[in-house]
Amino acid sequence: MNQTAVDVRLELGGTVGVGGNSVAVSDLMVVFEAITQTGSVQGFADALGLSYRAAWARLQSYEAALGRPLVHKTRGHGTVLTEFGASLANAFAAAAGGLEAGLLRETRAIELRLRELLTGRTGALTLAASHDPLLIEALGTVGGFDLSVMGSRAAVERLLDGAVDAVGFHCGARGPGAAGPPFSSIEAAGLALHPLFEREQGLLLAPGNPHGIRSLTDLTAEGVRYVNRQKGSGTRDWFDRILAEAGLPATAIRGYAVEEFTHQAVAALIACGAADAGLGVRASAERLGLEFLPVGWETYYLASSRSLVAPALDDLIAAVRARAAGLSGYRPIDPGTK
């Protein structure tokens, strides 16, 4: 069976009850959209494939159930929503907007599950992730993912918007709840959060540390060239935070505006002599023979919809956690941690 033949659509549903009467939310939303767009009951009739008389009768039944008129007809000026109808329409629109991202996430999860049930294959999962050398290696062996590398903030926002199946991210030496939006929205959105490993971040320095850098303050010394991570990356957020804690303005760091998108790119610039320092993971420093000045440890997470059932996801989590146990600069997560 062709994978593209699987199509799931989830929409806002339920009923509105007043007294002993009830009206389907979907029916009311058809009324609101049709009247707003066409300014006529005929537009509502066309939307349902009914005669004008049948549509008008249905509209009157909705109004009777709710106890208030929904539309107002004016000779020569068409039909508009009443104040009550417009207020109710706005309330439903706001609710639909708030639920849209969640519905998109669950739609993706159900489509993957249905495709697996029908064909035995889920297809590739879309993964947006902050760069990490260990994760990249594990993805190369596990397979089954379509990876997009981006900053942690952008990755999490894409999952919250329902645009990807899973994300990999980090937020410095803080948990998602304390890191502020969008990370603090993960729990509220009911997503599954999987701590994958801990990794050590620090200043990557030129071999031999010729500038004698021993602290953040030394980055402001004459001749020291810094290379930064891009805005929105977890590493950039961490660097900005520790600069603020140290009372150092970004303008004091030569090269602060020079941005790279991965730990390896930062390490490569330093290794080739184009920069003297940059914040990154120990693993990248050791790969290119750089000096490393530790700053701290952080947790790297994977998040997805709780309803997402995909063997590839479980395989990736297991593979990454197993690799973290034997690599310098990484620490495995406590087995009791989900």
Protein backbone atom coordinates (compact mmCIF):
# COMPACT_ATOMS: atom_id res chain seq x y z
CA MET A 1 0.00 0.00 0.00
CA ASN A 2 1.30 3.42 -0.93
CA GLN A 3 2.38 5.38 2.18
CA THR A 4 0.80 8.60 0.86
CA ALA A 5 -2.63 6.92 0.87
CA VAL A 6 -2.79 7.22 4.67
CA ASP A 7 -4.56 10.46 5.59
CA VAL A 8 -5.87 11.29 9.08
CA ARG A 9 -7.70 14.49 9.97
CA LEU A 10 -8.54 15.53 13.52
CA GLU A 11 -10.81 18.51 14.07
CA LEU A 12 -12.42 20.47 16.87
CA GLY A 13 -15.62 18.65 17.90
CA GLY A 14 -18.00 18.19 20.77
CA THR A 15 -21.29 19.88 21.57
CA VAL A 16 -22.62 23.05 23.15
CA GLY A 17 -25.43 22.42 25.59
CA VAL A 18 -27.88 25.00 26.89
CA GLY A 19 -30.55 23.63 29.20
CA GLY A 20 -31.66 20.35 27.71
CA ASN A 21 -30.67 21.27 24.16
CA SER A 22 -27.34 20.77 22.39
CA VAL A 23 -25.73 21.76 19.10
CA ALA A 24 -22.64 20.20 17.51
CA VAL A 25 -19.62 22.51 17.60
CA SER A 26 -18.76 21.57 14.01
CA ASP A 27 -22.23 22.69 12.87
CA LEU A 28 -21.86 26.06 14.56
CA MET A 29 -18.42 26.59 13.06
CA VAL A 30 -19.87 25.98 9.57
CA VAL A 31 -22.47 28.66 10.28
CA PHE A 32 -19.91 31.16 11.53
CA GLU A 33 -17.52 30.62 8.64
CA ALA A 34 -20.18 30.67 5.93
CA ILE A 35 -21.96 33.81 7.20
CA THR A 36 -18.69 35.66 7.80
CA GLN A 37 -17.32 34.85 4.34
CA THR A 38 -20.46 35.18 2.23
CA GLY A 39 -22.71 37.50 4.24
CA SER A 40 -25.75 35.41 3.35
CA VAL A 41 -27.82 32.43 4.46
CA GLN A 42 -27.44 31.17 0.89
CA GLY A 43 -23.71 30.83 1.55
CA PHE A 44 -24.55 28.63 4.53
CA ALA A 45 -26.93 26.60 2.34
CA ASP A 46 -24.25 26.13 -0.31
CA ALA A 47 -21.71 25.02 2.32
CA LEU A 48 -24.07 22.21 3.39
CA GLY A 49 -25.52 21.43 -0.03
CA LEU A 50 -29.03 22.36 1.15
CA SER A 51 -31.83 24.46 -0.25
CA TYR A 52 -32.19 27.97 1.12
CA ARG A 53 -35.34 26.97 3.01
CA ALA A 54 -33.72 23.88 4.57
CA ALA A 55 -30.62 25.87 5.58
CA TRP A 56 -32.74 28.60 7.14
CA ALA A 57 -34.73 26.00 9.09
CA ARG A 58 -31.54 24.43 10.36
CA LEU A 59 -30.17 27.79 11.38
CA GLN A 60 -33.36 28.54 13.30
CA SER A 61 -33.07 25.19 15.10
CA TYR A 62 -29.57 26.15 16.27
CA GLU A 63 -30.84 29.50 17.54
CA ALA A 64 -33.72 27.83 19.37
CA ALA A 65 -31.33 25.38 21.04
CA LEU A 66 -29.01 28.19 22.19
CA GLY A 67 -31.80 30.57 23.15
CA ARG A 68 -30.28 33.51 21.25
CA PRO A 69 -30.26 34.63 17.59
CA LEU A 70 -27.01 33.91 15.75
CA VAL A 71 -27.57 36.01 12.62
CA HIS A 72 -29.26 39.26 11.68
CA LYS A 73 -30.74 39.86 8.24
CA THR A 74 -30.99 43.38 6.86
CA ARG A 75 -32.77 44.05 3.58
CA GLY A 76 -30.24 45.16 0.98
CA HIS A 77 -27.27 44.47 3.27
CA GLY A 78 -27.27 40.70 3.55
CA THR A 79 -26.80 38.66 6.73
CA VAL A 80 -24.30 39.19 9.54
CA LEU A 81 -23.61 37.51 12.85
CA THR A 82 -25.31 39.04 15.86
CA GLU A 83 -23.18 40.27 18.76
CA PHE A 84 -23.89 36.94 20.49
CA GLY A 85 -23.01 34.98 17.34
CA ALA A 86 -19.81 36.94 16.72
CA SER A 87 -18.67 36.52 20.34
CA LEU A 88 -19.31 32.78 20.20
CA ALA A 89 -17.51 32.56 16.85
CA ASN A 90 -14.47 34.34 18.31
CA ALA A 91 -14.44 31.97 21.29
CA PHE A 92 -14.46 28.92 19.03
CA ALA A 93 -11.78 30.43 16.79
CA ALA A 94 -9.53 31.02 19.79
CA ALA A 95 -10.13 27.47 21.03
CA ALA A 96 -9.39 26.02 17.61
CA GLY A 97 -6.19 28.04 17.38
CA GLY A 98 -5.04 26.79 20.76
CA LEU A 99 -5.82 23.18 19.88
CA GLU A 100 -4.49 23.25 16.32
CA ALA A 101 -0.87 22.45 17.17
CA GLY A 102 -1.87 19.59 19.44
CA LEU A 103 -4.21 18.20 16.80
CA LEU A 104 -1.41 18.35 14.22
CA ARG A 105 0.95 16.46 16.54
CA GLU A 106 -1.63 13.78 17.25
CA THR A 107 -2.55 13.56 13.57
CA ARG A 108 1.08 12.78 12.71
CA ALA A 109 1.25 10.15 15.47
CA ILE A 110 -1.96 8.43 14.33
CA GLU A 111 -0.90 8.48 10.67
CA LEU A 112 2.40 6.80 11.57
CA ARG A 113 0.63 4.17 13.65
CA LEU A 114 -2.00 3.50 10.98
CA ARG A 115 0.66 3.26 8.28
CA GLU A 116 2.54 0.72 10.37
CA LEU A 117 -0.61 -1.35 10.95
CA LEU A 118 -1.46 -1.37 7.25
CA THR A 119 1.98 -1.75 5.69
CA GLY A 120 4.32 -2.87 8.45
CA ARG A 121 6.35 0.33 8.00
CA THR A 122 5.99 3.73 9.63
CA GLY A 123 8.20 5.63 7.22
CA ALA A 124 10.91 8.04 8.37
CA LEU A 125 10.23 10.08 11.50
CA THR A 126 10.95 13.79 11.22
CA LEU A 127 13.44 14.86 13.89
CA ALA A 128 14.49 18.46 14.56
CA ALA A 129 17.50 18.51 16.86
CA SER A 130 20.21 20.66 18.32
CA HIS A 131 23.61 19.44 17.15
CA ASP A 132 25.38 16.81 19.21
CA PRO A 133 28.18 14.50 17.98
CA LEU A 134 26.90 11.46 19.90
CA LEU A 135 23.35 11.88 18.59
CA ILE A 136 24.58 12.25 15.00
CA GLU A 137 26.60 9.03 15.27
CA ALA A 138 23.68 7.11 16.76
CA LEU A 139 21.31 8.30 14.02
CA GLY A 140 23.77 6.96 11.45
CA THR A 141 23.46 3.45 12.87
CA VAL A 142 19.78 3.37 13.85
CA GLY A 143 18.22 4.90 10.73
CA GLY A 144 14.56 5.70 10.21
CA PHE A 145 14.84 9.47 10.78
CA ASP A 146 14.75 12.55 8.59
CA LEU A 147 16.99 14.92 10.57
CA SER A 148 17.02 18.73 10.52
CA VAL A 149 19.75 20.34 12.64
CA MET A 150 18.75 23.63 14.25
CA GLY A 151 18.86 25.51 17.54
CA SER A 152 17.10 24.06 20.56
CA ARG A 153 14.51 26.84 20.68
CA ALA A 154 13.56 26.45 17.02
CA ALA A 155 13.40 22.66 17.37
CA VAL A 156 11.07 22.74 20.38
CA GLU A 157 8.87 25.37 18.74
CA ARG A 158 8.47 23.11 15.70
CA LEU A 159 7.29 20.24 17.87
CA LEU A 160 4.89 22.49 19.77
CA ASP A 161 3.54 23.69 16.41
CA GLY A 162 2.99 20.09 15.25
CA ALA A 163 5.53 20.37 12.42
CA VAL A 164 7.80 17.43 13.41
CA ASP A 165 7.49 14.07 15.14
CA ALA A 166 10.27 14.50 17.70
CA VAL A 167 12.96 16.94 18.83
CA GLY A 168 16.36 16.80 20.49
CA PHE A 169 17.29 19.79 22.64
CA HIS A 170 19.14 21.10 25.68
CA CYS A 171 18.75 24.19 27.83
CA GLY A 172 21.97 24.52 29.80
CA ALA A 173 22.33 23.55 33.44
CA ARG A 174 18.58 23.95 34.01
CA GLY A 175 15.54 21.76 33.47
CA PRO A 176 12.96 22.66 30.81
CA GLY A 177 10.53 23.94 33.43
CA ALA A 178 13.04 26.52 34.68
CA ALA A 179 14.33 27.51 31.25
CA GLY A 180 11.28 29.55 30.24
CA PRO A 181 9.40 29.39 26.91
CA PRO A 182 9.36 27.42 24.72
CA PHE A 183 10.96 24.71 26.92
CA SER A 184 8.60 25.29 29.85
CA SER A 185 5.65 24.65 27.50
CA ILE A 186 6.64 21.02 26.91
CA GLU A 187 5.03 19.68 30.07
CA ALA A 188 1.91 21.82 29.65
CA ALA A 189 1.50 20.44 26.13
CA GLY A 190 1.48 16.90 27.50
CA LEU A 191 4.55 15.79 25.54
CA ALA A 192 6.75 12.84 26.49
CA LEU A 193 10.17 13.98 27.71
CA HIS A 194 13.13 11.57 27.55
CA PRO A 195 16.44 12.64 29.16
CA LEU A 196 19.03 10.99 26.88
CA PHE A 197 22.39 11.78 28.50
CA GLU A 198 24.42 14.42 30.28
CA ARG A 199 27.24 16.14 28.43
CA GLU A 200 30.02 18.51 29.45
CA GLN A 201 30.23 21.94 27.91
CA GLY A 202 33.11 24.35 28.19
CA LEU A 203 35.39 26.71 26.34
CA LEU A 204 37.10 25.14 23.34
CA LEU A 205 40.57 26.70 23.12
CA ALA A 206 43.40 26.71 20.59
CA PRO A 207 45.98 23.95 21.12
CA GLY A 208 48.33 24.89 23.92
CA ASN A 209 45.98 27.72 24.97
CA PRO A 210 48.41 30.41 23.75
CA HIS A 211 46.33 33.24 25.26
CA GLY A 212 46.31 31.63 28.70
CA ILE A 213 42.52 31.69 28.97
CA ARG A 214 41.40 30.50 32.42
CA SER A 215 38.08 32.29 32.85
CA LEU A 216 35.36 34.15 30.96
CA THR A 217 37.04 37.44 31.80
CA ASP A 218 40.08 36.33 29.81
CA LEU A 219 37.91 36.31 26.67
CA THR A 220 37.96 40.11 26.79
CA ALA A 221 41.76 40.26 26.60
CA GLU A 222 43.34 42.00 23.62
CA GLY A 223 43.82 39.72 20.64
CA VAL A 224 41.40 36.97 21.77
CA ARG A 225 38.92 36.05 19.03
CA TYR A 226 35.71 34.30 20.03
CA VAL A 227 33.37 32.26 17.77
CA ASN A 228 29.75 32.04 18.91
CA ARG A 229 26.86 29.67 18.28
CA GLN A 230 23.78 30.95 16.47
CA LYS A 231 20.95 32.77 18.22
CA GLY A 232 18.35 30.35 19.55
CA SER A 233 20.79 27.52 20.18
CA GLY A 234 20.96 26.13 23.69
CA THR A 235 24.71 26.72 23.79
CA ARG A 236 24.28 30.39 22.80
CA ASP A 237 21.62 30.83 25.49
CA TRP A 238 23.96 29.31 28.07
CA PHE A 239 26.85 31.55 27.02
CA ASP A 240 24.68 34.66 27.19
CA ARG A 241 23.48 33.63 30.64
CA ILE A 242 26.96 33.04 32.09
CA LEU A 243 28.16 36.32 30.59
CA ALA A 244 25.32 38.13 32.36
CA GLU A 245 26.10 36.32 35.63
CA ALA A 246 29.75 37.40 35.31
CA GLY A 247 28.74 40.99 34.55
CA LEU A 248 30.43 40.91 31.13
CA PRO A 249 28.75 42.74 28.23
CA ALA A 250 28.63 40.97 24.87
CA THR A 251 30.34 43.99 23.32
CA ALA A 252 33.45 43.16 25.35
CA ILE A 253 33.85 39.85 23.47
CA ARG A 254 35.63 40.22 20.15
CA GLY A 255 33.91 37.88 17.68
CA TYR A 256 30.67 37.62 19.64
CA ALA A 257 28.73 38.28 16.41
CA VAL A 258 30.57 35.51 14.51
CA GLU A 259 28.15 32.57 14.47
CA GLU A 260 28.41 28.88 13.60
CA PHE A 261 25.64 26.26 13.66
CA THR A 262 27.34 23.20 15.16
CA HIS A 263 29.88 22.31 17.84
CA GLN A 264 32.11 20.81 15.15
CA ALA A 265 32.07 24.04 13.11
CA VAL A 266 33.13 26.03 16.18
CA ALA A 267 35.91 23.54 16.89
CA ALA A 268 37.07 23.58 13.27
CA LEU A 269 37.43 27.38 13.21
CA ILE A 270 39.56 27.24 16.35
CA ALA A 271 41.62 24.32 15.07
CA CYS A 272 42.47 26.14 11.82
CA GLY A 273 43.50 29.30 13.67
CA ALA A 274 40.55 31.47 12.62
CA ALA A 275 39.39 31.85 16.25
CA ASP A 276 40.82 31.31 19.73
CA ALA A 277 37.81 30.24 21.80
CA GLY A 278 34.18 29.16 21.65
CA LEU A 279 31.67 27.36 23.87
CA GLY A 280 31.06 23.73 22.94
CA VAL A 281 31.06 20.11 24.05
CA ARG A 282 34.19 18.32 25.23
CA ALA A 283 33.75 15.66 22.54
CA SER A 284 34.31 18.24 19.77
CA ALA A 285 37.41 19.61 21.48
CA GLU A 286 38.97 16.15 21.83
CA ARG A 287 38.26 15.20 18.23
CA LEU A 288 40.33 18.09 16.93
CA GLY A 289 43.00 18.17 19.65
CA LEU A 290 41.82 21.41 21.28
CA GLU A 291 42.23 22.50 24.88
CA PHE A 292 39.05 22.41 26.98
CA LEU A 293 38.08 24.59 29.95
CA PRO A 294 34.97 23.07 31.64
CA VAL A 295 31.93 25.27 32.29
CA GLY A 296 29.39 22.68 33.43
CA TRP A 297 27.19 19.69 32.68
CA GLU A 298 23.77 19.71 31.07
CA THR A 299 21.09 17.22 30.09
CA TYR A 300 20.23 16.56 26.47
CA TYR A 301 16.57 15.62 25.95
CA LEU A 302 14.35 14.04 23.34
CA ALA A 303 10.65 14.98 23.27
CA SER A 304 7.70 13.67 21.28
CA SER A 305 3.95 13.17 21.46
CA ARG A 306 2.98 10.64 24.14
CA SER A 307 0.84 8.83 21.60
CA LEU A 308 3.71 8.36 19.14
CA VAL A 309 4.44 4.62 18.87
CA ALA A 310 7.56 4.07 16.76
CA PRO A 311 10.21 1.35 17.23
CA ALA A 312 12.81 3.65 15.66
CA LEU A 313 12.31 6.15 18.47
CA ASP A 314 12.85 3.50 21.14
CA ASP A 315 15.90 2.19 19.26
CA LEU A 316 17.41 5.68 19.08
CA ILE A 317 16.89 6.33 22.80
CA ALA A 318 18.51 2.99 23.69
CA ALA A 319 21.42 3.49 21.27
CA VAL A 320 22.21 7.00 22.47
CA ARG A 321 22.07 6.07 26.15
CA ALA A 322 24.32 3.06 25.56
CA ARG A 323 26.92 5.16 23.71
CA ALA A 324 26.93 7.83 26.43
CA ALA A 325 28.27 5.30 28.94
CA GLY A 326 31.63 4.94 27.20
CA LEU A 327 32.46 8.37 25.80
CA SER A 328 34.56 11.13 27.31
CA GLY A 329 32.51 14.23 28.02
CA TYR A 330 29.27 12.27 28.41
CA ARG A 331 27.49 10.67 31.35
CA PRO A 332 24.64 8.15 31.12
CA ILE A 333 21.28 9.04 32.56
CA ASP A 334 20.19 7.22 35.72
CA PRO A 335 18.39 4.02 34.56
CA GLY A 336 15.40 5.01 36.69
CA THR A 337 14.91 8.20 34.64
CA LYS A 338 12.32 7.98 31.87
